[in-house]
C-alpha atoms as a PDB file:
ATOM      1  CA  MET A   1      66.529  67.739  55.398  1.00  0.00           C
ATOM      2  CA  ILE A   2      62.986  67.467  54.056  1.00  0.00           C
ATOM      3  CA  ARG A   3      63.446  70.702  52.128  1.00  0.00           C
ATOM      4  CA  TYR A   4      66.349  69.195  50.233  1.00  0.00           C
ATOM      5  CA  THR A   5      64.579  65.826  49.925  1.00  0.00           C
ATOM      6  CA  ILE A   6      61.597  67.498  48.275  1.00  0.00           C
ATOM      7  CA  ALA A   7      63.882  69.392  45.889  1.00  0.00           C
ATOM      8  CA  THR A   8      65.574  66.107  45.000  1.00  0.00           C
ATOM      9  CA  ILE A   9      62.219  64.478  44.246  1.00  0.00           C
ATOM     10  CA  CYS A  10      61.222  67.383  42.033  1.00  0.00           C
ATOM     11  CA  SER A  11      64.458  67.329  40.082  1.00  0.00           C
ATOM     12  CA  PHE A  12      63.394  63.963  38.633  1.00  0.00           C
ATOM     13  CA  ALA A  13      59.705  64.628  38.476  1.00  0.00           C
ATOM     14  CA  LEU A  14      60.111  67.478  36.010  1.00  0.00           C
ATOM     15  CA  THR A  15      62.710  65.869  33.761  1.00  0.00           C
ATOM     16  CA  ALA A  16      59.754  64.597  31.762  1.00  0.00           C
ATOM     17  CA  ASN A  17      59.698  68.010  30.083  1.00  0.00           C
ATOM     18  CA  CYS A  18      62.908  67.040  28.349  1.00  0.00           C
ATOM     19  CA  PHE A  19      61.061  64.506  26.212  1.00  0.00           C
ATOM     20  CA  SER A  20      57.943  66.420  25.213  1.00  0.00           C
ATOM     21  CA  GLN A  21      59.322  67.076  21.718  1.00  0.00           C
ATOM     22  CA  THR A  22      59.103  63.404  20.742  1.00  0.00           C
ATOM     23  CA  THR A  23      56.874  60.399  21.172  1.00  0.00           C
ATOM     24  CA  ASN A  24      59.648  57.853  20.746  1.00  0.00           C
ATOM     25  CA  ILE A  25      62.392  58.283  23.326  1.00  0.00           C
ATOM     26  CA  GLU A  26      64.583  55.538  21.946  1.00  0.00           C
ATOM     27  CA  LYS A  27      64.913  57.313  18.560  1.00  0.00           C
ATOM     28  CA  LYS A  28      66.457  60.509  19.972  1.00  0.00           C
ATOM     29  CA  THR A  29      69.657  61.626  18.264  1.00  0.00           C
ATOM     30  CA  ASN A  30      73.083  61.747  19.865  1.00  0.00           C
ATOM     31  CA  THR A  31      72.855  65.517  19.976  1.00  0.00           C
ATOM     32  CA  ASP A  32      69.617  65.284  21.949  1.00  0.00           C
ATOM     33  CA  THR A  33      71.227  62.864  24.364  1.00  0.00           C
ATOM     34  CA  LEU A  34      74.207  65.117  24.878  1.00  0.00           C
ATOM     35  CA  ASN A  35      71.846  67.980  25.669  1.00  0.00           C
ATOM     36  CA  LEU A  36      69.731  65.883  28.041  1.00  0.00           C
ATOM     37  CA  SER A  37      71.443  67.013  31.234  1.00  0.00           C
ATOM     38  CA  LYS A  38      71.132  70.663  30.201  1.00  0.00           C
ATOM     39  CA  ARG A  39      67.408  70.280  29.517  1.00  0.00           C
ATOM     40  CA  VAL A  40      66.961  68.576  32.891  1.00  0.00           C
ATOM     41  CA  ILE A  41      68.577  71.526  34.668  1.00  0.00           C
ATOM     42  CA  THR A  42      66.515  74.041  32.684  1.00  0.00           C
ATOM     43  CA  SER A  43      63.198  72.315  33.303  1.00  0.00           C
ATOM     44  CA  VAL A  44      63.725  71.763  37.023  1.00  0.00           C
ATOM     45  CA  ALA A  45      64.973  75.301  37.696  1.00  0.00           C
ATOM     46  CA  ASP A  46      61.967  76.762  35.900  1.00  0.00           C
ATOM     47  CA  LYS A  47      59.571  74.868  38.161  1.00  0.00           C
ATOM     48  CA  PHE A  48      61.172  75.127  41.594  1.00  0.00           C
ATOM     49  CA  ALA A  49      62.955  78.171  42.934  1.00  0.00           C
ATOM     50  CA  THR A  50      65.008  76.156  45.457  1.00  0.00           C
ATOM     51  CA  THR A  51      66.785  74.279  42.613  1.00  0.00           C
ATOM     52  CA  ARG A  52      67.989  77.439  40.804  1.00  0.00           C
ATOM     53  CA  PRO A  53      71.648  78.501  40.948  1.00  0.00           C
ATOM     54  CA  LEU A  54      70.757  81.021  43.668  1.00  0.00           C
ATOM     55  CA  ASN A  55      67.478  81.605  45.495  1.00  0.00           C
ATOM     56  CA  ILE A  56      66.786  83.921  48.444  1.00  0.00           C
ATOM     57  CA  GLU A  57      63.393  83.984  50.148  1.00  0.00           C
ATOM     58  CA  PHE A  58      61.990  86.017  53.050  1.00  0.00           C
ATOM     59  CA  ALA A  59      59.054  84.388  54.865  1.00  0.00           C
ATOM     60  CA  ASN A  60      56.684  85.954  57.371  1.00  0.00           C
ATOM     61  CA  ALA A  61      53.725  84.548  59.305  1.00  0.00           C
ATOM     62  CA  ALA A  62      51.058  86.403  61.254  1.00  0.00           C
ATOM     63  CA  ALA A  63      50.829  85.996  65.046  1.00  0.00           C
ATOM     64  CA  TYR A  64      49.148  82.775  66.171  1.00  0.00           C
ATOM     65  CA  GLN A  65      48.271  80.641  69.193  1.00  0.00           C
ATOM     66  CA  TYR A  66      49.767  77.224  69.788  1.00  0.00           C
ATOM     67  CA  GLY A  67      49.130  74.376  72.159  1.00  0.00           C
ATOM     68  CA  SER A  68      51.769  72.056  73.575  1.00  0.00           C
ATOM     69  CA  GLU A  69      52.048  68.793  75.458  1.00  0.00           C
ATOM     70  CA  ARG A  70      54.886  67.079  77.279  1.00  0.00           C
ATOM     71  CA  GLY A  71      54.145  63.398  77.302  1.00  0.00           C
ATOM     72  CA  ASN A  72      50.534  63.129  78.465  1.00  0.00           C
ATOM     73  CA  ASP A  73      50.597  66.497  80.229  1.00  0.00           C
ATOM     74  CA  LYS A  74      48.878  69.354  78.436  1.00  0.00           C
ATOM     75  CA  LEU A  75      50.588  72.724  78.930  1.00  0.00           C
ATOM     76  CA  PRO A  76      48.892  76.149  78.823  1.00  0.00           C
ATOM     77  CA  ASP A  77      48.334  77.622  75.362  1.00  0.00           C
ATOM     78  CA  SER A  78      50.871  80.274  74.369  1.00  0.00           C
ATOM     79  CA  ARG A  79      51.314  82.691  71.483  1.00  0.00           C
ATOM     80  CA  ILE A  80      53.897  83.340  68.756  1.00  0.00           C
ATOM     81  CA  THR A  81      53.966  87.093  68.131  1.00  0.00           C
ATOM     82  CA  ARG A  82      56.719  87.090  65.487  1.00  0.00           C
ATOM     83  CA  PHE A  83      57.822  84.383  63.072  1.00  0.00           C
ATOM     84  CA  GLN A  84      60.289  85.327  60.319  1.00  0.00           C
ATOM     85  CA  GLN A  85      62.629  83.293  58.146  1.00  0.00           C
ATOM     86  CA  THR A  86      65.388  83.946  55.643  1.00  0.00           C
ATOM     87  CA  LYS A  87      66.061  81.034  53.292  1.00  0.00           C
ATOM     88  CA  VAL A  88      69.044  80.782  50.934  1.00  0.00           C
ATOM     89  CA  ASN A  89      69.783  77.971  48.455  1.00  0.00           C
ATOM     90  CA  ALA A  90      72.712  77.711  46.043  1.00  0.00           C
ATOM     91  CA  ASN A  91      73.048  74.900  43.475  1.00  0.00           C
ATOM     92  CA  PHE A  92      76.040  74.010  41.297  1.00  0.00           C
ATOM     93  CA  ASN A  93      76.333  71.282  38.646  1.00  0.00           C
ATOM     94  CA  PHE A  94      80.104  71.167  38.319  1.00  0.00           C
ATOM     95  CA  ILE A  95      80.368  68.024  36.154  1.00  0.00           C
ATOM     96  CA  ARG A  96      77.870  67.354  33.353  1.00  0.00           C
ATOM     97  CA  ARG A  97      78.241  64.387  31.019  1.00  0.00           C
ATOM     98  CA  GLN A  98      76.143  62.563  28.429  1.00  0.00           C
ATOM     99  CA  ASN A  99      74.228  60.372  30.890  1.00  0.00           C
ATOM    100  CA  TRP A 100      75.040  61.762  34.322  1.00  0.00           C
ATOM    101  CA  LEU A 101      75.370  64.844  36.486  1.00  0.00           C
ATOM    102  CA  LEU A 102      77.400  65.620  39.589  1.00  0.00           C
ATOM    103  CA  GLY A 103      76.295  68.630  41.583  1.00  0.00           C
ATOM    104  CA  ALA A 104      76.271  70.258  44.996  1.00  0.00           C
ATOM    105  CA  THR A 105      73.710  72.190  47.012  1.00  0.00           C
ATOM    106  CA  PHE A 106      74.234  74.569  49.910  1.00  0.00           C
ATOM    107  CA  GLY A 107      71.366  75.740  52.092  1.00  0.00           C
ATOM    108  CA  TYR A 108      70.873  78.186  54.957  1.00  0.00           C
ATOM    109  CA  ARG A 109      67.765  79.022  56.936  1.00  0.00           C
ATOM    110  CA  ALA A 110      67.552  81.620  59.711  1.00  0.00           C
ATOM    111  CA  THR A 111      64.444  81.506  61.904  1.00  0.00           C
ATOM    112  CA  SER A 112      63.576  84.372  64.249  1.00  0.00           C
ATOM    113  CA  ILE A 113      60.816  83.828  66.823  1.00  0.00           C
ATOM    114  CA  GLU A 114      59.227  85.945  69.533  1.00  0.00           C
ATOM    115  CA  ALA A 115      56.794  84.177  71.853  1.00  0.00           C
ATOM    116  CA  GLU A 116      54.607  84.982  74.827  1.00  0.00           C
ATOM    117  CA  VAL A 117      54.856  81.823  76.909  1.00  0.00           C
ATOM    118  CA  VAL A 118      52.288  81.013  79.578  1.00  0.00           C
ATOM    119  CA  GLN A 119      53.768  78.936  82.403  1.00  0.00           C
ATOM    120  CA  GLN A 120      51.845  77.041  85.027  1.00  0.00           C
ATOM    121  CA  GLY A 121      51.991  78.708  88.436  1.00  0.00           C
ATOM    122  CA  VAL A 122      53.586  81.877  87.019  1.00  0.00           C
ATOM    123  CA  THR A 123      51.710  85.187  86.913  1.00  0.00           C
ATOM    124  CA  GLY A 124      51.909  86.972  83.561  1.00  0.00           C
ATOM    125  CA  ASN A 125      53.483  85.885  80.301  1.00  0.00           C
ATOM    126  CA  THR A 126      57.182  85.293  79.718  1.00  0.00           C
ATOM    127  CA  VAL A 127      58.437  86.961  76.528  1.00  0.00           C
ATOM    128  CA  VAL A 128      61.033  84.844  74.724  1.00  0.00           C
ATOM    129  CA  ASN A 129      63.134  85.965  71.731  1.00  0.00           C
ATOM    130  CA  LYS A 130      65.130  83.304  69.906  1.00  0.00           C
ATOM    131  CA  ASP A 131      67.125  83.096  66.669  1.00  0.00           C
ATOM    132  CA  PHE A 132      68.020  79.742  65.126  1.00  0.00           C
ATOM    133  CA  GLN A 133      70.405  78.974  62.256  1.00  0.00           C
ATOM    134  CA  TYR A 134      70.084  75.802  60.184  1.00  0.00           C
ATOM    135  CA  LEU A 135      72.664  74.897  57.505  1.00  0.00           C
ATOM    136  CA  PHE A 136      73.174  71.961  55.166  1.00  0.00           C
ATOM    137  CA  SER A 137      75.306  70.947  52.207  1.00  0.00           C
ATOM    138  CA  ALA A 138      74.903  68.024  49.842  1.00  0.00           C
ATOM    139  CA  VAL A 139      76.589  66.323  46.916  1.00  0.00           C
ATOM    140  CA  SER A 140      74.340  64.533  44.397  1.00  0.00           C
ATOM    141  CA  PHE A 141      75.020  62.091  41.579  1.00  0.00           C
ATOM    142  CA  THR A 142      72.325  61.681  38.904  1.00  0.00           C
ATOM    143  CA  TYR A 143      72.306  58.946  36.265  1.00  0.00           C
ATOM    144  CA  PHE A 144      70.004  58.753  33.187  1.00  0.00           C
ATOM    145  CA  SER A 145      69.249  55.270  31.891  1.00  0.00           C
ATOM    146  CA  THR A 146      66.581  53.022  30.316  1.00  0.00           C
ATOM    147  CA  LEU A 147      64.582  50.292  32.078  1.00  0.00           C
ATOM    148  CA  PHE A 148      61.871  48.210  30.356  1.00  0.00           C
ATOM    149  CA  LYS A 149      62.249  50.565  27.368  1.00  0.00           C
ATOM    150  CA  LYS A 150      61.317  53.514  29.603  1.00  0.00           C
ATOM    151  CA  ARG A 151      63.565  56.461  30.422  1.00  0.00           C
ATOM    152  CA  THR A 152      64.635  56.075  34.071  1.00  0.00           C
ATOM    153  CA  PHE A 153      66.485  58.396  36.454  1.00  0.00           C
ATOM    154  CA  TYR A 154      68.549  57.414  39.491  1.00  0.00           C
ATOM    155  CA  SER A 155      70.044  59.700  42.105  1.00  0.00           C
ATOM    156  CA  SER A 156      72.125  59.282  45.235  1.00  0.00           C
ATOM    157  CA  THR A 157      72.767  62.145  47.638  1.00  0.00           C
ATOM    158  CA  PHE A 158      75.144  62.555  50.569  1.00  0.00           C
ATOM    159  CA  LEU A 159      74.063  65.326  52.942  1.00  0.00           C
ATOM    160  CA  VAL A 160      75.357  66.885  56.157  1.00  0.00           C
ATOM    161  CA  ASP A 161      73.540  69.449  58.305  1.00  0.00           C
ATOM    162  CA  GLY A 162      73.862  71.382  61.536  1.00  0.00           C
ATOM    163  CA  SER A 163      73.674  74.828  63.057  1.00  0.00           C
ATOM    164  CA  ASP A 164      75.953  77.814  63.521  1.00  0.00           C
ATOM    165  CA  LYS A 165      77.203  76.083  66.692  1.00  0.00           C
ATOM    166  CA  HIS A 166      77.684  72.418  65.796  1.00  0.00           C
ATOM    167  CA  PHE A 167      77.774  69.885  62.980  1.00  0.00           C
ATOM    168  CA  GLU A 168      74.870  67.506  63.641  1.00  0.00           C
ATOM    169  CA  ARG A 169      73.843  64.786  61.180  1.00  0.00           C
ATOM    170  CA  ILE A 170      75.013  62.801  58.148  1.00  0.00           C
ATOM    171  CA  LYS A 171      72.148  61.643  55.907  1.00  0.00           C
ATOM    172  CA  GLY A 172      71.597  59.943  52.575  1.00  0.00           C
ATOM    173  CA  ILE A 173      68.922  59.882  49.887  1.00  0.00           C
ATOM    174  CA  PHE A 174      68.369  57.489  46.991  1.00  0.00           C
ATOM    175  CA  THR A 175      65.694  58.023  44.342  1.00  0.00           C
ATOM    176  CA  GLY A 176      64.533  56.118  41.287  1.00  0.00           C
ATOM    177  CA  THR A 177      61.895  57.465  38.881  1.00  0.00           C
ATOM    178  CA  MET A 178      60.546  56.207  35.558  1.00  0.00           C
ATOM    179  CA  LEU A 179      59.009  58.239  32.748  1.00  0.00           C
ATOM    180  CA  LEU A 180      55.650  56.643  31.944  1.00  0.00           C
ATOM    181  CA  LYS A 181      54.256  59.116  29.424  1.00  0.00           C
ATOM    182  CA  ALA A 182      55.535  62.207  27.604  1.00  0.00           C
ATOM    183  CA  ASN A 183      53.970  64.132  24.761  1.00  0.00           C
ATOM    184  CA  LYS A 184      53.254  67.789  23.997  1.00  0.00           C
ATOM    185  CA  GLN A 185      50.300  67.916  26.407  1.00  0.00           C
ATOM    186  CA  THR A 186      50.813  65.292  29.103  1.00  0.00           C
ATOM    187  CA  LYS A 187      53.765  64.049  31.135  1.00  0.00           C
ATOM    188  CA  MET A 188      53.666  61.427  33.876  1.00  0.00           C
ATOM    189  CA  MET A 189      56.299  59.788  36.080  1.00  0.00           C
ATOM    190  CA  ALA A 190      56.367  57.423  39.065  1.00  0.00           C
ATOM    191  CA  GLY A 191      59.055  56.214  41.428  1.00  0.00           C
ATOM    192  CA  PHE A 192      60.258  56.103  45.008  1.00  0.00           C
ATOM    193  CA  MET A 193      62.688  57.721  47.418  1.00  0.00           C
ATOM    194  CA  VAL A 194      64.652  56.054  50.232  1.00  0.00           C
ATOM    195  CA  ASN A 195      65.619  58.369  53.084  1.00  0.00           C
ATOM    196  CA  VAL A 196      68.701  57.062  54.941  1.00  0.00           C
ATOM    197  CA  ASP A 197      68.193  58.950  58.189  1.00  0.00           C
ATOM    198  CA  PRO A 198      67.362  57.338  61.581  1.00  0.00           C
ATOM    199  CA  SER A 199      65.251  60.388  62.525  1.00  0.00           C
ATOM    200  CA  ALA A 200      63.207  60.383  59.290  1.00  0.00           C
ATOM    201  CA  GLN A 201      59.431  60.430  59.590  1.00  0.00           C
ATOM    202  CA  THR A 202      59.030  58.148  56.548  1.00  0.00           C
ATOM    203  CA  PRO A 203      62.049  56.104  55.336  1.00  0.00           C
ATOM    204  CA  VAL A 204      60.444  55.236  51.954  1.00  0.00           C
ATOM    205  CA  ILE A 205      58.317  57.755  50.048  1.00  0.00           C
ATOM    206  CA  PRO A 206      56.473  57.048  46.763  1.00  0.00           C
ATOM    207  CA  ILE A 207      56.821  59.663  44.005  1.00  0.00           C
ATOM    208  CA  PHE A 208      54.201  60.517  41.404  1.00  0.00           C
ATOM    209  CA  THR A 209      54.148  63.457  38.998  1.00  0.00           C
ATOM    210  CA  TYR A 210      51.600  64.561  36.449  1.00  0.00           C
ATOM    211  CA  GLU A 211      51.503  67.583  34.172  1.00  0.00           C
ATOM    212  CA  HIS A 212      48.808  68.380  31.610  1.00  0.00           C
ATOM    213  CA  LYS A 213      48.532  71.449  29.383  1.00  0.00           C
ATOM    214  CA  PHE A 214      44.938  72.407  28.597  1.00  0.00           C
ATOM    215  CA  ASN A 215      43.920  74.170  25.394  1.00  0.00           C
ATOM    216  CA  ASN A 216      42.974  77.334  27.326  1.00  0.00           C
ATOM    217  CA  GLY A 217      46.527  77.812  28.588  1.00  0.00           C
ATOM    218  CA  LEU A 218      46.029  76.351  32.066  1.00  0.00           C
ATOM    219  CA  ILE A 219      48.544  73.771  33.280  1.00  0.00           C
ATOM    220  CA  ALA A 220      47.789  71.113  35.895  1.00  0.00           C
ATOM    221  CA  ASP A 221      51.067  70.482  37.726  1.00  0.00           C
ATOM    222  CA  VAL A 222      51.109  67.722  40.367  1.00  0.00           C
ATOM    223  CA  THR A 223      54.293  66.565  42.093  1.00  0.00           C
ATOM    224  CA  LEU A 224      53.499  64.249  44.995  1.00  0.00           C
ATOM    225  CA  PRO A 225      54.315  64.496  47.803  1.00  0.00           C
ATOM    226  CA  ARG A 226      55.557  68.062  47.257  1.00  0.00           C
ATOM    227  CA  SER A 227      52.885  70.156  45.563  1.00  0.00           C
ATOM    228  CA  MET A 228      49.699  70.448  43.514  1.00  0.00           C
ATOM    229  CA  TYR A 229      49.156  73.566  41.378  1.00  0.00           C
ATOM    230  CA  LEU A 230      47.023  74.933  38.583  1.00  0.00           C
ATOM    231  CA  ARG A 231      49.296  77.314  36.656  1.00  0.00           C
ATOM    232  CA  LYS A 232      48.969  79.885  33.879  1.00  0.00           C
ATOM    233  CA  PHE A 233      51.551  82.061  32.141  1.00  0.00           C
ATOM    234  CA  VAL A 234      50.634  85.750  31.811  1.00  0.00           C
ATOM    235  CA  PHE A 235      52.119  88.928  30.289  1.00  0.00           C
ATOM    236  CA  ASN A 236      53.608  87.218  27.217  1.00  0.00           C
ATOM    237  CA  LYS A 237      55.065  84.435  29.391  1.00  0.00           C
ATOM    238  CA  ASN A 238      56.996  86.923  31.515  1.00  0.00           C
ATOM    239  CA  GLY A 239      54.837  86.057  34.526  1.00  0.00           C
ATOM    240  CA  ARG A 240      53.143  82.983  35.959  1.00  0.00           C
ATOM    241  CA  VAL A 241      50.230  82.629  38.389  1.00  0.00           C
ATOM    242  CA  SER A 242      49.788  79.401  40.368  1.00  0.00           C
ATOM    243  CA  LEU A 243      46.933  78.344  42.653  1.00  0.00           C
ATOM    244  CA  GLY A 244      47.253  75.275  44.852  1.00  0.00           C
ATOM    245  CA  MET A 245      49.325  73.997  47.749  1.00  0.00           C
ATOM    246  CA  GLU A 246      52.824  72.867  48.651  1.00  0.00           C
ATOM    247  CA  LEU A 247      54.633  71.253  51.566  1.00  0.00           C
ATOM    248  CA  ASP A 248      57.373  72.987  53.520  1.00  0.00           C
ATOM    249  CA  GLN A 249      59.307  72.226  56.665  1.00  0.00           C
ATOM    250  CA  THR A 250      60.698  74.210  59.562  1.00  0.00           C
ATOM    251  CA  SER A 251      63.639  72.523  61.260  1.00  0.00           C
ATOM    252  CA  PHE A 252      66.426  73.662  63.586  1.00  0.00           C
ATOM    253  CA  TYR A 253      68.612  72.427  66.458  1.00  0.00           C
ATOM    254  CA  LEU A 254      68.423  73.635  70.071  1.00  0.00           C
ATOM    255  CA  TYR A 255      70.954  73.562  72.896  1.00  0.00           C
ATOM    256  CA  ASN A 256      70.942  74.010  76.695  1.00  0.00           C
ATOM    257  CA  LEU A 257      67.192  73.645  76.754  1.00  0.00           C
ATOM    258  CA  GLU A 258      67.150  72.284  80.294  1.00  0.00           C
ATOM    259  CA  ALA A 259      70.579  73.464  81.445  1.00  0.00           C
ATOM    260  CA  THR A 260      72.201  70.253  80.230  1.00  0.00           C
ATOM    261  CA  GLY A 261      74.515  69.312  77.380  1.00  0.00           C
ATOM    262  CA  GLN A 262      71.656  67.515  75.601  1.00  0.00           C
ATOM    263  CA  ARG A 263      71.055  68.467  71.948  1.00  0.00           C
ATOM    264  CA  TYR A 264      67.560  68.688  70.507  1.00  0.00           C
ATOM    265  CA  GLU A 265      65.895  69.096  67.139  1.00  0.00           C
ATOM    266  CA  TYR A 266      62.597  70.844  66.432  1.00  0.00           C
ATOM    267  CA  ARG A 267      60.773  69.835  63.269  1.00  0.00           C
ATOM    268  CA  GLN A 268      57.359  70.684  61.829  1.00  0.00           C
ATOM    269  CA  LEU A 269      55.793  69.921  58.460  1.00  0.00           C
ATOM    270  CA  ASP A 270      53.698  72.747  56.994  1.00  0.00           C
ATOM    271  CA  ILE A 271      50.917  72.597  54.407  1.00  0.00           C
ATOM    272  CA  ASN A 272      50.742  75.885  52.502  1.00  0.00           C
ATOM    273  CA  PRO A 273      47.604  76.364  50.373  1.00  0.00           C
ATOM    274  CA  GLY A 274      47.586  79.678  48.515  1.00  0.00           C
ATOM    275  CA  MET A 275      48.707  81.614  45.468  1.00  0.00           C
ATOM    276  CA  VAL A 276      52.142  82.082  43.902  1.00  0.00           C
ATOM    277  CA  TYR A 277      53.121  84.773  41.417  1.00  0.00           C
ATOM    278  CA  GLU A 278      56.451  84.725  39.556  1.00  0.00           C
ATOM    279  CA  GLN A 279      57.791  87.536  37.378  1.00  0.00           C
ATOM    280  CA  ALA A 280      60.852  87.541  35.136  1.00  0.00           C
ATOM    281  CA  VAL A 281      63.132  90.560  35.602  1.00  0.00           C
ATOM    282  CA  GLY A 282      65.565  90.873  32.711  1.00  0.00           C
ATOM    283  CA  LYS A 283      67.067  87.678  31.324  1.00  0.00           C
ATOM    284  CA  TYR A 284      68.362  86.060  34.478  1.00  0.00           C
ATOM    285  CA  PHE A 285      66.347  87.076  37.533  1.00  0.00           C
ATOM    286  CA  MET A 286      62.967  86.020  38.934  1.00  0.00           C
ATOM    287  CA  LEU A 287      60.811  87.643  41.611  1.00  0.00           C
ATOM    288  CA  THR A 288      58.388  85.421  43.527  1.00  0.00           C
ATOM    289  CA  ALA A 289      55.517  86.286  45.884  1.00  0.00           C
ATOM    290  CA  LYS A 290      53.564  83.679  47.867  1.00  0.00           C
ATOM    291  CA  SER A 291      50.583  84.122  50.157  1.00  0.00           C
ATOM    292  CA  GLY A 292      47.948  81.961  51.804  1.00  0.00           C
ATOM    293  CA  ILE A 293      47.162  80.060  54.993  1.00  0.00           C
ATOM    294  CA  LYS A 294      49.804  77.932  56.693  1.00  0.00           C
ATOM    295  CA  LEU A 295      48.528  74.703  58.263  1.00  0.00           C
ATOM    296  CA  THR A 296      50.714  72.676  60.623  1.00  0.00           C
ATOM    297  CA  PRO A 297      49.309  69.300  61.768  1.00  0.00           C
ATOM    298  CA  ASN A 298      51.895  69.269  64.571  1.00  0.00           C
ATOM    299  CA  GLY A 299      55.464  70.083  65.438  1.00  0.00           C
ATOM    300  CA  ARG A 300      57.734  67.979  67.580  1.00  0.00           C
ATOM    301  CA  LEU A 301      60.776  68.627  69.745  1.00  0.00           C
ATOM    302  CA  PHE A 302      62.917  65.522  70.289  1.00  0.00           C
ATOM    303  CA  ARG A 303      66.372  64.583  71.494  1.00  0.00           C
ATOM    304  CA  LYS A 304      68.905  64.333  68.710  1.00  0.00           C
ATOM    305  CA  GLU A 305      69.461  60.616  69.291  1.00  0.00           C
ATOM    306  CA  ASP A 306      65.681  59.959  69.242  1.00  0.00           C
ATOM    307  CA  THR A 307      63.251  60.169  66.318  1.00  0.00           C
ATOM    308  CA  PHE A 308      60.320  62.303  65.243  1.00  0.00           C
ATOM    309  CA  ALA A 309      58.044  59.502  66.475  1.00  0.00           C
ATOM    310  CA  ASP A 310      59.461  59.775  70.022  1.00  0.00           C
ATOM    311  CA  PRO A 311      59.165  63.476  70.912  1.00  0.00           C
ATOM    312  CA  LEU A 312      59.732  65.280  74.174  1.00  0.00           C
ATOM    313  CA  TYR A 313      57.145  67.945  73.280  1.00  0.00           C
ATOM    314  CA  HIS A 314      54.181  68.008  70.887  1.00  0.00           C
ATOM    315  CA  ILE A 315      53.410  71.466  69.458  1.00  0.00           C
ATOM    316  CA  THR A 316      50.090  72.228  67.706  1.00  0.00           C
ATOM    317  CA  PRO A 317      50.053  75.665  66.016  1.00  0.00           C
ATOM    318  CA  ASP A 318      46.822  77.317  64.869  1.00  0.00           C
ATOM    319  CA  PRO A 319      46.331  78.121  61.145  1.00  0.00           C
ATOM    320  CA  ARG A 320      47.871  81.494  60.239  1.00  0.00           C
ATOM    321  CA  PHE A 321      48.366  83.830  57.302  1.00  0.00           C
ATOM    322  CA  TYR A 322      51.755  83.817  55.553  1.00  0.00           C
ATOM    323  CA  PHE A 323      53.426  86.052  52.985  1.00  0.00           C
ATOM    324  CA  ASN A 324      56.769  85.286  51.315  1.00  0.00           C
ATOM    325  CA  LEU A 325      58.929  87.285  48.919  1.00  0.00           C
ATOM    326  CA  GLY A 326      61.855  85.857  46.990  1.00  0.00           C
ATOM    327  CA  VAL A 327      64.405  86.617  44.312  1.00  0.00           C
ATOM    328  CA  SER A 328      66.418  84.096  42.333  1.00  0.00           C
ATOM    329  CA  PHE A 329      69.126  83.985  39.692  1.00  0.00           C
ATOM    330  CA  ASN A 330      68.108  81.631  36.870  1.00  0.00           C
ATOM    331  CA  PRO A 331      69.968  81.880  33.535  1.00  0.00           C
ATOM    332  CA  PHE A 332      68.097  78.768  32.286  1.00  0.00           C
ATOM    333  CA  SER A 333      64.575  80.182  32.483  1.00  0.00           C
ATOM    334  CA  PHE A 334      61.814  79.475  29.941  1.00  0.00           C
ATOM    335  CA  PHE A 335      60.042  82.651  31.045  1.00  0.00           C
ATOM    336  CA  GLY A 336      59.555  85.150  28.219  1.00  0.00           C
ATOM    337  CA  LYS A 337      60.167  82.481  25.555  1.00  0.00           C
ATOM    338  CA  LYS A 338      57.266  81.520  23.322  1.00  0.00           C
END
């Protein structure tokens, strides 16, 4: 859910690019207005791979130790020896009008884990191999308007998720963002997001975005709470290097954990400082490589009817190295255009 929530936030944060050609938004022509939705799609897809028509990413993390607690009881430290993910996102804007968009998103994430679990009173480690499938689909409505003479964007999203075994949750998202500043060098927006989900960690999240193009070609790109990057185009704008950090989430459902019919959800929020390199391949494809250190404040396993704040288990992974490779289809890209 958070993965899609973050993508939703970003889809409004970067719409400021659509207005960088003018200093007076209210004087835009009808033609500009008609092209607004297209420019929104182009700008967002260029910034965030998960919002492109199709994105596939393969993620790997090095082996690492983790601690765990059940209630107030600390359990022996164990080790993850393999952590691999395959992430797929597909996005379709099937109705596009002068001041609104209607689109759909489909997501899939496969997580494969091998662990050496240390159990109290048991000699030797227990090797556990598990594969988890997480799926979601969403329909989003986006409306472009004006409030206090400022360009404003509203979005409502209906989302369902689950696993390869069961449908699990129905969720909703509402966002509102306002364009505060937009010129050739600087763009700034602020707003909020309401997460309609009883299990959400934070029901209301503030949104702030800032982009500034320096004279030396560097670009400061901040989208809170999602990411902070310092970017630079290279190789005649066919490539882009980014240094900074972004948030990610690992989430999946579990069944028969204690030989009962109880359903559980595991969720962890990751902080990924590191480097990203993107390279255009032909007119429509992008290759992406990411690497750095993955930091996880904690992960939590909780019953489906409970919340993240009321977990059954607390998991605390150690920092570990990660390396991701991805490919995406993006016919709207700015890459290679001067």
